[in-house]
Amino acid sequence: MARSLLLSLLVRQHLALKEKFRARYPHCWLVWEAGVWNVPENSEQNHGTTRLPTSDLRDCLPSGDAMCFELAAAPGRDTLTLGRASHNVFVINDATVSREHLALHLQPDGQWTVEALVQGGPAMLGGKRMQPGQILPLESGMQLQLGDVRLTFHDAESFHTRMGHTAALMLAHQRGGSQETPA
């Protein structure tokens, strides 16, 4: 089973584990960037909805959080599917994403490629529209756009760097917000 974790949780893990973070999370990642995480209530599809946090859940799901999908292929399974339907390895609960939108393929050399599925909706990689059936290599920092959903691909090293940068910003914000100014 592939792991899907909130960015805020991974940042806390990065702070706690320090250099051991790399060993605990050695894979590439696909980050569903912050945005509106919901689907219409009258949706005919059978899937759960993800809602923006209410005030009592603010600590659990900070505004602007992102969902991170770990790209770790299981033995004998070098393809990970992504789409709105619950049978995908990575489920994106967004009405602008097709039931089966993309396939991610692990190559023998350890690199990942992305395929725009024929039955999927429009997909863009790095601002360029992908043709159905087209398979393209993924490079760290590349952005995928599926409807209103924006995903960023990270290799293990750039993901570790992003976690470190995000952790530093979070610590700076906490220090700045907790300091009292003299009266």
C-alpha atoms as a PDB file:
ATOM      1  CA  MET A   1       0.000   0.000   0.000  1.00  0.00           C
ATOM      2  CA  ALA A   2       1.360   3.418  -0.958  1.00  0.00           C
ATOM      3  CA  ARG A   3       1.635   6.077   1.722  1.00  0.00           C
ATOM      4  CA  SER A   4      -0.185   9.401   1.515  1.00  0.00           C
ATOM      5  CA  LEU A   5       0.788  11.854   4.237  1.00  0.00           C
ATOM      6  CA  LEU A   6       0.083  15.495   4.982  1.00  0.00           C
ATOM      7  CA  LEU A   7       2.976  17.848   4.349  1.00  0.00           C
ATOM      8  CA  SER A   8       2.585  19.264   7.881  1.00  0.00           C
ATOM      9  CA  LEU A   9       3.113  15.784   9.371  1.00  0.00           C
ATOM     10  CA  LEU A  10       6.190  15.189   7.220  1.00  0.00           C
ATOM     11  CA  VAL A  11       7.641  18.560   8.259  1.00  0.00           C
ATOM     12  CA  ARG A  12       7.231  17.557  11.916  1.00  0.00           C
ATOM     13  CA  GLN A  13       8.904  14.221  11.104  1.00  0.00           C
ATOM     14  CA  HIS A  14      11.751  16.106   9.420  1.00  0.00           C
ATOM     15  CA  LEU A  15      12.230  18.261  12.527  1.00  0.00           C
ATOM     16  CA  ALA A  16      12.198  15.238  14.843  1.00  0.00           C
ATOM     17  CA  LEU A  17      14.301  12.847  12.757  1.00  0.00           C
ATOM     18  CA  LYS A  18      16.790  15.363  11.312  1.00  0.00           C
ATOM     19  CA  GLU A  19      19.221  13.445   9.040  1.00  0.00           C
ATOM     20  CA  LYS A  20      17.419  10.135   9.748  1.00  0.00           C
ATOM     21  CA  PHE A  21      14.506  11.536   7.702  1.00  0.00           C
ATOM     22  CA  ARG A  22      16.329  10.542   4.501  1.00  0.00           C
ATOM     23  CA  ALA A  23      16.532   6.910   5.610  1.00  0.00           C
ATOM     24  CA  ARG A  24      12.897   6.813   6.728  1.00  0.00           C
ATOM     25  CA  TYR A  25      11.585   8.419   3.519  1.00  0.00           C
ATOM     26  CA  PRO A  26      14.023   7.407   0.739  1.00  0.00           C
ATOM     27  CA  HIS A  27      11.598   7.530  -2.194  1.00  0.00           C
ATOM     28  CA  CYS A  28      10.371  10.060  -4.722  1.00  0.00           C
ATOM     29  CA  TRP A  29       7.194  11.995  -3.884  1.00  0.00           C
ATOM     30  CA  LEU A  30       4.273  13.577  -5.694  1.00  0.00           C
ATOM     31  CA  VAL A  31       2.888  16.566  -3.762  1.00  0.00           C
ATOM     32  CA  TRP A  32      -0.726  17.661  -4.234  1.00  0.00           C
ATOM     33  CA  GLU A  33      -0.166  21.338  -3.655  1.00  0.00           C
ATOM     34  CA  ALA A  34      -2.391  23.382  -1.375  1.00  0.00           C
ATOM     35  CA  GLY A  35      -5.739  24.335  -2.768  1.00  0.00           C
ATOM     36  CA  VAL A  36      -9.397  23.653  -2.294  1.00  0.00           C
ATOM     37  CA  TRP A  37      -9.738  19.986  -1.403  1.00  0.00           C
ATOM     38  CA  ASN A  38     -13.363  19.153  -1.989  1.00  0.00           C
ATOM     39  CA  VAL A  39     -15.829  17.734  -4.462  1.00  0.00           C
ATOM     40  CA  PRO A  40     -19.454  18.700  -5.111  1.00  0.00           C
ATOM     41  CA  GLU A  41     -21.901  17.260  -2.573  1.00  0.00           C
ATOM     42  CA  ASN A  42     -24.220  16.161  -5.367  1.00  0.00           C
ATOM     43  CA  SER A  43     -21.487  14.111  -7.024  1.00  0.00           C
ATOM     44  CA  GLU A  44     -22.779  10.876  -8.521  1.00  0.00           C
ATOM     45  CA  GLN A  45     -19.452   9.133  -7.897  1.00  0.00           C
ATOM     46  CA  ASN A  46     -19.059   6.889  -4.870  1.00  0.00           C
ATOM     47  CA  HIS A  47     -16.131   8.460  -3.072  1.00  0.00           C
ATOM     48  CA  GLY A  48     -15.447  10.343   0.110  1.00  0.00           C
ATOM     49  CA  THR A  49     -15.082  14.068   0.199  1.00  0.00           C
ATOM     50  CA  THR A  50     -12.293  16.059   1.712  1.00  0.00           C
ATOM     51  CA  ARG A  51     -13.352  19.319   3.276  1.00  0.00           C
ATOM     52  CA  LEU A  52     -11.480  22.391   4.352  1.00  0.00           C
ATOM     53  CA  PRO A  53     -10.816  22.423   8.104  1.00  0.00           C
ATOM     54  CA  THR A  54     -13.382  23.742  10.529  1.00  0.00           C
ATOM     55  CA  SER A  55     -12.225  25.775  13.497  1.00  0.00           C
ATOM     56  CA  ASP A  56     -12.078  22.726  15.800  1.00  0.00           C
ATOM     57  CA  LEU A  57      -9.801  20.908  13.327  1.00  0.00           C
ATOM     58  CA  ARG A  58      -7.440  23.792  12.620  1.00  0.00           C
ATOM     59  CA  ASP A  59      -4.517  22.101  14.417  1.00  0.00           C
ATOM     60  CA  CYS A  60      -5.072  18.845  12.531  1.00  0.00           C
ATOM     61  CA  LEU A  61      -5.175  20.284   9.034  1.00  0.00           C
ATOM     62  CA  PRO A  62      -3.562  23.691   8.777  1.00  0.00           C
ATOM     63  CA  SER A  63      -4.817  26.002   6.071  1.00  0.00           C
ATOM     64  CA  GLY A  64      -2.568  25.666   3.038  1.00  0.00           C
ATOM     65  CA  ASP A  65      -1.466  22.105   3.836  1.00  0.00           C
ATOM     66  CA  ALA A  66      -0.603  19.711   1.014  1.00  0.00           C
ATOM     67  CA  MET A  67      -1.008  15.962   0.514  1.00  0.00           C
ATOM     68  CA  CYS A  68       2.163  14.012  -0.257  1.00  0.00           C
ATOM     69  CA  PHE A  69       2.099  10.704  -2.145  1.00  0.00           C
ATOM     70  CA  GLU A  70       5.140   8.465  -1.679  1.00  0.00           C
ATOM     71  CA  LEU A  71       6.203   6.880  -4.975  1.00  0.00           C
ATOM     72  CA  ALA A  72       7.308   3.467  -3.786  1.00  0.00           C
ATOM     73  CA  ALA A  73       6.516   0.612  -6.130  1.00  0.00           C
ATOM     74  CA  ALA A  74       5.761  -2.763  -4.588  1.00  0.00           C
ATOM     75  CA  PRO A  75       7.653  -5.815  -5.859  1.00  0.00           C
ATOM     76  CA  GLY A  76       6.152  -6.840  -9.193  1.00  0.00           C
ATOM     77  CA  ARG A  77       4.177  -3.601  -9.481  1.00  0.00           C
ATOM     78  CA  ASP A  78       6.063  -0.822 -11.208  1.00  0.00           C
ATOM     79  CA  THR A  79       2.978   1.193 -12.204  1.00  0.00           C
ATOM     80  CA  LEU A  80       1.040   3.441  -9.839  1.00  0.00           C
ATOM     81  CA  THR A  81      -2.289   4.863 -11.020  1.00  0.00           C
ATOM     82  CA  LEU A  82      -3.749   8.212 -10.073  1.00  0.00           C
ATOM     83  CA  GLY A  83      -7.316   9.408 -10.457  1.00  0.00           C
ATOM     84  CA  ARG A  84     -10.636  10.075  -8.744  1.00  0.00           C
ATOM     85  CA  ALA A  85     -11.833   6.438  -8.543  1.00  0.00           C
ATOM     86  CA  SER A  86     -11.178   4.510  -5.334  1.00  0.00           C
ATOM     87  CA  HIS A  87      -9.333   1.660  -7.125  1.00  0.00           C
ATOM     88  CA  ASN A  88      -6.380   3.929  -7.980  1.00  0.00           C
ATOM     89  CA  VAL A  89      -3.211   3.723  -5.904  1.00  0.00           C
ATOM     90  CA  PHE A  90      -3.483   7.497  -5.374  1.00  0.00           C
ATOM     91  CA  VAL A  91      -6.999   8.892  -5.124  1.00  0.00           C
ATOM     92  CA  ILE A  92      -7.523  12.577  -5.907  1.00  0.00           C
ATOM     93  CA  ASN A  93     -10.998  13.523  -4.643  1.00  0.00           C
ATOM     94  CA  ASP A  94     -11.549  16.389  -7.030  1.00  0.00           C
ATOM     95  CA  ALA A  95     -14.359  16.665  -9.590  1.00  0.00           C
ATOM     96  CA  THR A  96     -11.941  18.099 -12.177  1.00  0.00           C
ATOM     97  CA  VAL A  97      -9.847  14.895 -12.157  1.00  0.00           C
ATOM     98  CA  SER A  98     -10.860  11.851 -14.227  1.00  0.00           C
ATOM     99  CA  ARG A  99     -11.619   8.497 -12.646  1.00  0.00           C
ATOM    100  CA  GLU A 100      -8.371   7.170 -14.179  1.00  0.00           C
ATOM    101  CA  HIS A 101      -6.188  10.112 -15.110  1.00  0.00           C
ATOM    102  CA  LEU A 102      -2.475   9.188 -14.994  1.00  0.00           C
ATOM    103  CA  ALA A 103      -0.134   6.252 -14.610  1.00  0.00           C
ATOM    104  CA  LEU A 104       3.297   6.628 -13.062  1.00  0.00           C
ATOM    105  CA  HIS A 105       5.863   4.059 -14.198  1.00  0.00           C
ATOM    106  CA  LEU A 106       9.066   3.119 -12.367  1.00  0.00           C
ATOM    107  CA  GLN A 107      11.805   2.479 -14.892  1.00  0.00           C
ATOM    108  CA  PRO A 108      14.532  -0.171 -14.370  1.00  0.00           C
ATOM    109  CA  ASP A 109      17.055   2.625 -13.732  1.00  0.00           C
ATOM    110  CA  GLY A 110      14.935   3.950 -10.836  1.00  0.00           C
ATOM    111  CA  GLN A 111      13.559   6.959 -12.727  1.00  0.00           C
ATOM    112  CA  TRP A 112       9.833   7.721 -12.902  1.00  0.00           C
ATOM    113  CA  THR A 113       7.790   8.492 -15.996  1.00  0.00           C
ATOM    114  CA  VAL A 114       4.208   9.715 -16.289  1.00  0.00           C
ATOM    115  CA  GLU A 115       1.586   8.590 -18.795  1.00  0.00           C
ATOM    116  CA  ALA A 116      -1.559  10.510 -19.670  1.00  0.00           C
ATOM    117  CA  LEU A 117      -4.172   7.755 -19.827  1.00  0.00           C
ATOM    118  CA  VAL A 118      -6.390   7.535 -22.892  1.00  0.00           C
ATOM    119  CA  GLN A 119      -9.569   7.537 -20.762  1.00  0.00           C
ATOM    120  CA  GLY A 120      -8.236  10.417 -18.635  1.00  0.00           C
ATOM    121  CA  GLY A 121      -8.940  14.083 -19.014  1.00  0.00           C
ATOM    122  CA  PRO A 122      -6.451  16.737 -20.035  1.00  0.00           C
ATOM    123  CA  ALA A 123      -3.090  16.677 -18.293  1.00  0.00           C
ATOM    124  CA  MET A 124      -0.219  19.121 -18.474  1.00  0.00           C
ATOM    125  CA  LEU A 125       3.412  18.548 -17.555  1.00  0.00           C
ATOM    126  CA  GLY A 126       5.596  21.591 -17.112  1.00  0.00           C
ATOM    127  CA  GLY A 127       2.923  23.771 -18.728  1.00  0.00           C
ATOM    128  CA  LYS A 128       2.716  21.617 -21.883  1.00  0.00           C
ATOM    129  CA  ARG A 129      -0.310  19.498 -22.690  1.00  0.00           C
ATOM    130  CA  MET A 130       0.314  15.744 -22.665  1.00  0.00           C
ATOM    131  CA  GLN A 131      -1.213  13.633 -25.415  1.00  0.00           C
ATOM    132  CA  PRO A 132      -3.236  10.551 -24.355  1.00  0.00           C
ATOM    133  CA  GLY A 133      -0.932   7.534 -24.188  1.00  0.00           C
ATOM    134  CA  GLN A 134       2.148   9.749 -24.134  1.00  0.00           C
ATOM    135  CA  ILE A 135       4.826   8.718 -21.611  1.00  0.00           C
ATOM    136  CA  LEU A 136       7.252  11.398 -20.439  1.00  0.00           C
ATOM    137  CA  PRO A 137      10.122  11.381 -17.924  1.00  0.00           C
ATOM    138  CA  LEU A 138       9.608  13.148 -14.607  1.00  0.00           C
ATOM    139  CA  GLU A 139      12.307  15.464 -13.293  1.00  0.00           C
ATOM    140  CA  SER A 140      12.449  16.935  -9.834  1.00  0.00           C
ATOM    141  CA  GLY A 141      10.357  20.088  -9.496  1.00  0.00           C
ATOM    142  CA  MET A 142       8.164  19.338 -12.510  1.00  0.00           C
ATOM    143  CA  GLN A 143       4.523  20.344 -12.158  1.00  0.00           C
ATOM    144  CA  LEU A 144       1.596  18.228 -13.317  1.00  0.00           C
ATOM    145  CA  GLN A 145      -1.778  19.902 -13.812  1.00  0.00           C
ATOM    146  CA  LEU A 146      -4.961  17.802 -13.819  1.00  0.00           C
ATOM    147  CA  GLY A 147      -8.018  20.018 -13.965  1.00  0.00           C
ATOM    148  CA  ASP A 148      -7.774  22.266 -10.885  1.00  0.00           C
ATOM    149  CA  VAL A 149      -5.240  19.975  -9.187  1.00  0.00           C
ATOM    150  CA  ARG A 150      -1.550  20.847  -9.208  1.00  0.00           C
ATOM    151  CA  LEU A 151       1.012  18.155  -8.349  1.00  0.00           C
ATOM    152  CA  THR A 152       4.773  18.582  -7.965  1.00  0.00           C
ATOM    153  CA  PHE A 153       7.208  15.707  -8.503  1.00  0.00           C
ATOM    154  CA  HIS A 154      10.225  15.488  -6.189  1.00  0.00           C
ATOM    155  CA  ASP A 155      13.098  13.045  -6.155  1.00  0.00           C
ATOM    156  CA  ALA A 156      14.188  11.974  -2.662  1.00  0.00           C
ATOM    157  CA  GLU A 157      16.857  14.669  -2.346  1.00  0.00           C
ATOM    158  CA  SER A 158      14.698  17.594  -3.459  1.00  0.00           C
ATOM    159  CA  PHE A 159      11.880  16.360  -1.203  1.00  0.00           C
ATOM    160  CA  HIS A 160      14.281  16.344   1.762  1.00  0.00           C
ATOM    161  CA  THR A 161      15.389  19.870   0.803  1.00  0.00           C
ATOM    162  CA  ARG A 162      11.760  21.040   0.559  1.00  0.00           C
ATOM    163  CA  MET A 163      10.971  19.573   3.985  1.00  0.00           C
ATOM    164  CA  GLY A 164      14.002  21.344   5.479  1.00  0.00           C
ATOM    165  CA  HIS A 165      13.035  24.665   3.903  1.00  0.00           C
ATOM    166  CA  THR A 166       9.389  24.325   4.990  1.00  0.00           C
ATOM    167  CA  ALA A 167      10.469  23.367   8.528  1.00  0.00           C
ATOM    168  CA  ALA A 168      12.739  26.430   8.739  1.00  0.00           C
ATOM    169  CA  LEU A 169       9.898  28.704   7.580  1.00  0.00           C
ATOM    170  CA  MET A 170       7.531  27.130  10.111  1.00  0.00           C
ATOM    171  CA  LEU A 171      10.035  27.620  12.958  1.00  0.00           C
ATOM    172  CA  ALA A 172      10.697  31.225  11.937  1.00  0.00           C
ATOM    173  CA  HIS A 173       6.947  31.904  11.811  1.00  0.00           C
ATOM    174  CA  GLN A 174       6.434  30.341  15.253  1.00  0.00           C
ATOM    175  CA  ARG A 175       9.284  32.362  16.756  1.00  0.00           C
ATOM    176  CA  GLY A 176       7.957  35.541  15.178  1.00  0.00           C
ATOM    177  CA  GLY A 177       4.384  34.887  16.303  1.00  0.00           C
ATOM    178  CA  SER A 178       5.275  33.903  19.868  1.00  0.00           C
ATOM    179  CA  GLN A 179       7.502  36.867  20.653  1.00  0.00           C
ATOM    180  CA  GLU A 180       5.879  39.629  22.613  1.00  0.00           C
ATOM    181  CA  THR A 181       6.698  43.224  21.915  1.00  0.00           C
ATOM    182  CA  PRO A 182       7.447  45.438  24.893  1.00  0.00           C
ATOM    183  CA  ALA A 183       4.702  47.879  25.785  1.00  0.00           C
END
